[in-house]
Amino acid sequence: MRAEEKYALVEVEDTGCGMDETFIRESLFRPFKTTKGSSGMGIGAYETREFVRSLGGDVDVVSRPGMEHFRLHLPSSDPRTQ
């Protein structure tokens, strides 16, 4: 985690199969959309983004084949960033 202006930045990266821009834009943050067949509910990314937004932050996603990178921008309580 690092301070970025008035936000704490949490970055999560994995080596998943990657997502194309159309999927990120049209499906990733829609509730009950899943690519996991019957093994997933398709609520995690949506709930995460909505919770982070309720705190005054946001979620960015960068993806390409073999890499998925999520950035959570959370409001900082550090007075040095206010």
N, C-alpha and C. Protein backbone atom coordinates (compact mmCIF):
# COMPACT_ATOMS: atom_id res chain seq x y z
N MET A 1 0.85 -1.17 0.00
CA MET A 1 0.00 0.00 0.00
C MET A 1 0.90 1.23 0.00
N ARG A 2 0.49 2.25 -0.75
CA ARG A 2 1.25 3.48 -0.76
C ARG A 2 0.29 4.67 -0.78
N ALA A 3 0.75 5.80 -0.26
CA ALA A 3 -0.07 7.01 -0.27
C ALA A 3 0.02 7.66 -1.63
N GLU A 4 -1.10 8.04 -2.17
CA GLU A 4 -1.16 8.70 -3.47
C GLU A 4 -2.09 9.90 -3.32
N GLU A 5 -1.51 11.07 -3.10
CA GLU A 5 -2.26 12.28 -2.82
C GLU A 5 -3.17 12.05 -1.63
N LYS A 6 -4.48 12.13 -1.80
CA LYS A 6 -5.40 11.99 -0.68
C LYS A 6 -5.93 10.56 -0.55
N TYR A 7 -5.30 9.62 -1.23
CA TYR A 7 -5.77 8.24 -1.22
C TYR A 7 -4.65 7.29 -0.82
N ALA A 8 -5.04 6.22 -0.17
CA ALA A 8 -4.15 5.08 0.02
C ALA A 8 -4.41 4.17 -1.17
N LEU A 9 -3.36 3.69 -1.79
CA LEU A 9 -3.49 2.86 -2.98
C LEU A 9 -3.11 1.43 -2.62
N VAL A 10 -4.05 0.51 -2.83
CA VAL A 10 -3.80 -0.92 -2.62
C VAL A 10 -3.81 -1.56 -4.00
N GLU A 11 -2.73 -2.25 -4.35
CA GLU A 11 -2.62 -2.89 -5.65
C GLU A 11 -2.58 -4.41 -5.48
N VAL A 12 -3.39 -5.09 -6.29
CA VAL A 12 -3.44 -6.54 -6.27
C VAL A 12 -3.24 -7.02 -7.70
N GLU A 13 -2.29 -7.92 -7.88
CA GLU A 13 -1.98 -8.43 -9.21
C GLU A 13 -1.94 -9.95 -9.15
N ASP A 14 -2.47 -10.59 -10.19
CA ASP A 14 -2.34 -12.04 -10.26
C ASP A 14 -2.04 -12.46 -11.69
N THR A 15 -1.84 -13.73 -11.86
CA THR A 15 -1.48 -14.26 -13.17
C THR A 15 -2.64 -15.03 -13.76
N GLY A 16 -3.85 -14.48 -13.64
CA GLY A 16 -5.03 -15.10 -14.24
C GLY A 16 -4.95 -15.06 -15.75
N CYS A 17 -5.99 -15.53 -16.39
CA CYS A 17 -5.99 -15.60 -17.86
C CYS A 17 -6.15 -14.22 -18.49
N GLY A 18 -6.47 -13.21 -17.70
CA GLY A 18 -6.65 -11.86 -18.22
C GLY A 18 -8.07 -11.63 -18.70
N MET A 19 -8.44 -10.36 -18.82
CA MET A 19 -9.78 -9.98 -19.27
C MET A 19 -9.62 -8.93 -20.36
N ASP A 20 -10.47 -9.01 -21.38
CA ASP A 20 -10.39 -7.99 -22.42
C ASP A 20 -11.16 -6.74 -21.98
N GLU A 21 -10.92 -5.63 -22.69
CA GLU A 21 -11.53 -4.35 -22.32
C GLU A 21 -13.05 -4.41 -22.37
N THR A 22 -13.60 -5.15 -23.30
CA THR A 22 -15.06 -5.26 -23.40
C THR A 22 -15.62 -5.94 -22.16
N PHE A 23 -14.99 -7.02 -21.70
CA PHE A 23 -15.46 -7.71 -20.49
C PHE A 23 -15.36 -6.79 -19.28
N ILE A 24 -14.24 -6.07 -19.15
CA ILE A 24 -14.07 -5.16 -18.01
C ILE A 24 -15.16 -4.09 -18.04
N ARG A 25 -15.39 -3.50 -19.19
CA ARG A 25 -16.35 -2.40 -19.32
C ARG A 25 -17.79 -2.87 -19.17
N GLU A 26 -18.15 -4.03 -19.74
CA GLU A 26 -19.55 -4.44 -19.80
C GLU A 26 -19.97 -5.51 -18.80
N SER A 27 -19.04 -6.26 -18.25
CA SER A 27 -19.44 -7.39 -17.41
C SER A 27 -18.79 -7.48 -16.03
N LEU A 28 -17.55 -7.07 -15.89
CA LEU A 28 -16.81 -7.32 -14.65
C LEU A 28 -17.53 -6.81 -13.41
N PHE A 29 -18.07 -5.61 -13.48
CA PHE A 29 -18.69 -5.01 -12.30
C PHE A 29 -20.22 -5.14 -12.28
N ARG A 30 -20.76 -6.09 -13.02
CA ARG A 30 -22.20 -6.34 -12.98
C ARG A 30 -22.46 -7.50 -12.03
N PRO A 31 -23.41 -7.30 -11.11
CA PRO A 31 -23.69 -8.38 -10.16
C PRO A 31 -24.25 -9.61 -10.87
N PHE A 32 -23.84 -10.76 -10.37
CA PHE A 32 -24.31 -12.08 -10.81
C PHE A 32 -23.86 -12.45 -12.23
N LYS A 33 -22.86 -11.75 -12.76
CA LYS A 33 -22.20 -12.16 -14.00
C LYS A 33 -20.93 -12.89 -13.59
N THR A 34 -20.73 -14.08 -14.08
CA THR A 34 -19.55 -14.85 -13.70
C THR A 34 -18.98 -15.59 -14.90
N THR A 35 -17.70 -15.84 -14.85
CA THR A 35 -17.05 -16.67 -15.86
C THR A 35 -16.72 -18.04 -15.28
N LYS A 36 -17.15 -18.28 -14.05
CA LYS A 36 -16.78 -19.50 -13.33
C LYS A 36 -17.84 -20.59 -13.42
N GLY A 37 -18.80 -20.46 -14.31
CA GLY A 37 -19.85 -21.47 -14.43
C GLY A 37 -20.66 -21.55 -13.15
N SER A 38 -20.84 -22.74 -12.62
CA SER A 38 -21.64 -22.91 -11.40
C SER A 38 -20.81 -22.78 -10.12
N SER A 39 -19.51 -22.49 -10.24
CA SER A 39 -18.66 -22.42 -9.05
C SER A 39 -18.51 -21.02 -8.49
N GLY A 40 -19.19 -20.02 -9.06
CA GLY A 40 -19.06 -18.66 -8.55
C GLY A 40 -20.36 -17.91 -8.64
N MET A 41 -20.51 -16.89 -7.80
CA MET A 41 -21.73 -16.09 -7.79
C MET A 41 -21.63 -14.85 -8.66
N GLY A 42 -20.42 -14.41 -9.00
CA GLY A 42 -20.27 -13.22 -9.82
C GLY A 42 -20.63 -11.95 -9.08
N ILE A 43 -20.31 -11.87 -7.80
CA ILE A 43 -20.67 -10.71 -7.00
C ILE A 43 -19.45 -10.00 -6.43
N GLY A 44 -18.29 -10.64 -6.42
CA GLY A 44 -17.11 -10.12 -5.75
C GLY A 44 -16.61 -8.79 -6.26
N ALA A 45 -16.41 -8.64 -7.57
CA ALA A 45 -15.89 -7.39 -8.12
C ALA A 45 -16.91 -6.27 -7.94
N TYR A 46 -18.18 -6.58 -8.17
CA TYR A 46 -19.24 -5.58 -8.00
C TYR A 46 -19.31 -5.09 -6.55
N GLU A 47 -19.36 -6.01 -5.61
CA GLU A 47 -19.45 -5.65 -4.19
C GLU A 47 -18.21 -4.87 -3.75
N THR A 48 -17.05 -5.29 -4.20
CA THR A 48 -15.81 -4.59 -3.86
C THR A 48 -15.86 -3.15 -4.34
N ARG A 49 -16.21 -2.96 -5.62
CA ARG A 49 -16.25 -1.61 -6.16
C ARG A 49 -17.30 -0.75 -5.44
N GLU A 50 -18.46 -1.29 -5.17
CA GLU A 50 -19.51 -0.52 -4.51
C GLU A 50 -19.10 -0.14 -3.08
N PHE A 51 -18.45 -1.06 -2.37
CA PHE A 51 -17.99 -0.76 -1.01
C PHE A 51 -16.92 0.33 -1.04
N VAL A 52 -15.94 0.18 -1.92
CA VAL A 52 -14.87 1.17 -2.01
C VAL A 52 -15.45 2.53 -2.40
N ARG A 53 -16.40 2.57 -3.32
CA ARG A 53 -17.03 3.84 -3.69
C ARG A 53 -17.82 4.44 -2.53
N SER A 54 -18.44 3.59 -1.71
CA SER A 54 -19.19 4.12 -0.55
C SER A 54 -18.26 4.81 0.45
N LEU A 55 -16.99 4.46 0.41
CA LEU A 55 -15.99 5.10 1.28
C LEU A 55 -15.41 6.37 0.65
N GLY A 56 -15.76 6.62 -0.60
CA GLY A 56 -15.23 7.79 -1.31
C GLY A 56 -14.05 7.46 -2.20
N GLY A 57 -13.83 6.18 -2.47
CA GLY A 57 -12.71 5.75 -3.31
C GLY A 57 -13.19 5.20 -4.64
N ASP A 58 -12.33 4.44 -5.30
CA ASP A 58 -12.68 3.83 -6.57
C ASP A 58 -11.76 2.64 -6.85
N VAL A 59 -12.10 1.87 -7.87
CA VAL A 59 -11.34 0.69 -8.26
C VAL A 59 -10.99 0.81 -9.74
N ASP A 60 -9.71 0.59 -10.08
CA ASP A 60 -9.23 0.54 -11.47
C ASP A 60 -8.82 -0.88 -11.78
N VAL A 61 -8.95 -1.26 -13.04
CA VAL A 61 -8.51 -2.59 -13.47
C VAL A 61 -7.68 -2.44 -14.75
N VAL A 62 -6.53 -3.09 -14.76
CA VAL A 62 -5.71 -3.20 -15.96
C VAL A 62 -5.51 -4.69 -16.18
N SER A 63 -5.78 -5.15 -17.38
CA SER A 63 -5.65 -6.57 -17.64
C SER A 63 -5.13 -6.81 -19.05
N ARG A 64 -4.37 -7.87 -19.16
CA ARG A 64 -3.91 -8.36 -20.46
C ARG A 64 -3.71 -9.86 -20.28
N PRO A 65 -3.52 -10.61 -21.34
CA PRO A 65 -3.35 -12.05 -21.19
C PRO A 65 -2.24 -12.39 -20.17
N GLY A 66 -2.59 -13.20 -19.19
CA GLY A 66 -1.64 -13.64 -18.19
C GLY A 66 -1.43 -12.70 -17.01
N MET A 67 -2.17 -11.57 -16.95
CA MET A 67 -1.98 -10.62 -15.84
C MET A 67 -3.25 -9.81 -15.62
N GLU A 68 -3.66 -9.75 -14.38
CA GLU A 68 -4.78 -8.90 -13.96
C GLU A 68 -4.28 -8.03 -12.82
N HIS A 69 -4.54 -6.74 -12.90
CA HIS A 69 -4.01 -5.78 -11.92
C HIS A 69 -5.18 -4.89 -11.46
N PHE A 70 -5.52 -5.00 -10.18
CA PHE A 70 -6.58 -4.19 -9.60
C PHE A 70 -5.94 -3.13 -8.70
N ARG A 71 -6.43 -1.89 -8.77
CA ARG A 71 -5.97 -0.81 -7.89
C ARG A 71 -7.17 -0.29 -7.12
N LEU A 72 -7.09 -0.34 -5.81
CA LEU A 72 -8.13 0.22 -4.96
C LEU A 72 -7.63 1.53 -4.40
N HIS A 73 -8.33 2.60 -4.70
CA HIS A 73 -8.01 3.94 -4.21
C HIS A 73 -8.93 4.20 -3.02
N LEU A 74 -8.36 4.21 -1.82
CA LEU A 74 -9.14 4.40 -0.60
C LEU A 74 -8.80 5.73 0.02
N PRO A 75 -9.82 6.48 0.51
CA PRO A 75 -9.53 7.75 1.16
C PRO A 75 -8.56 7.55 2.31
N SER A 76 -7.55 8.39 2.37
CA SER A 76 -6.52 8.27 3.40
C SER A 76 -6.95 8.99 4.67
N SER A 77 -6.60 8.41 5.80
CA SER A 77 -6.82 9.09 7.07
C SER A 77 -5.50 9.67 7.58
N ASP A 78 -4.47 9.58 6.76
CA ASP A 78 -3.15 10.10 7.13
C ASP A 78 -3.17 11.62 6.96
N PRO A 79 -2.96 12.39 8.04
CA PRO A 79 -3.03 13.84 7.94
C PRO A 79 -1.99 14.43 6.98
N ARG A 80 -0.93 13.70 6.67
CA ARG A 80 0.09 14.20 5.73
C ARG A 80 -0.44 14.27 4.31
N THR A 81 -1.53 13.54 4.02
CA THR A 81 -2.08 13.53 2.67
C THR A 81 -3.34 14.39 2.57
N GLN A 82 -3.71 15.06 3.62
CA GLN A 82 -4.94 15.88 3.61
C GLN A 82 -4.70 17.26 3.07
